[in-house]
Amino acid sequence: TFAWLGKQRRLSKDYERLPEVSEAVVHSAMIPLMLKRLSA
């Protein structure tokens, strides 16, 4: 799953100052991946 997250532009570097923002970006990046997996 870390390779999938690396494809997201905002997750390729640590631009966020707050860890909560980084966590929210990870969650938003995982939503399409999980929906795709659930629909298969």
Foldseek 3Di string as FASTA:
>chain_A
DVVQQCVDPPSVDPPDDDVVVVVVVVVVSCVVVVVVVVVD
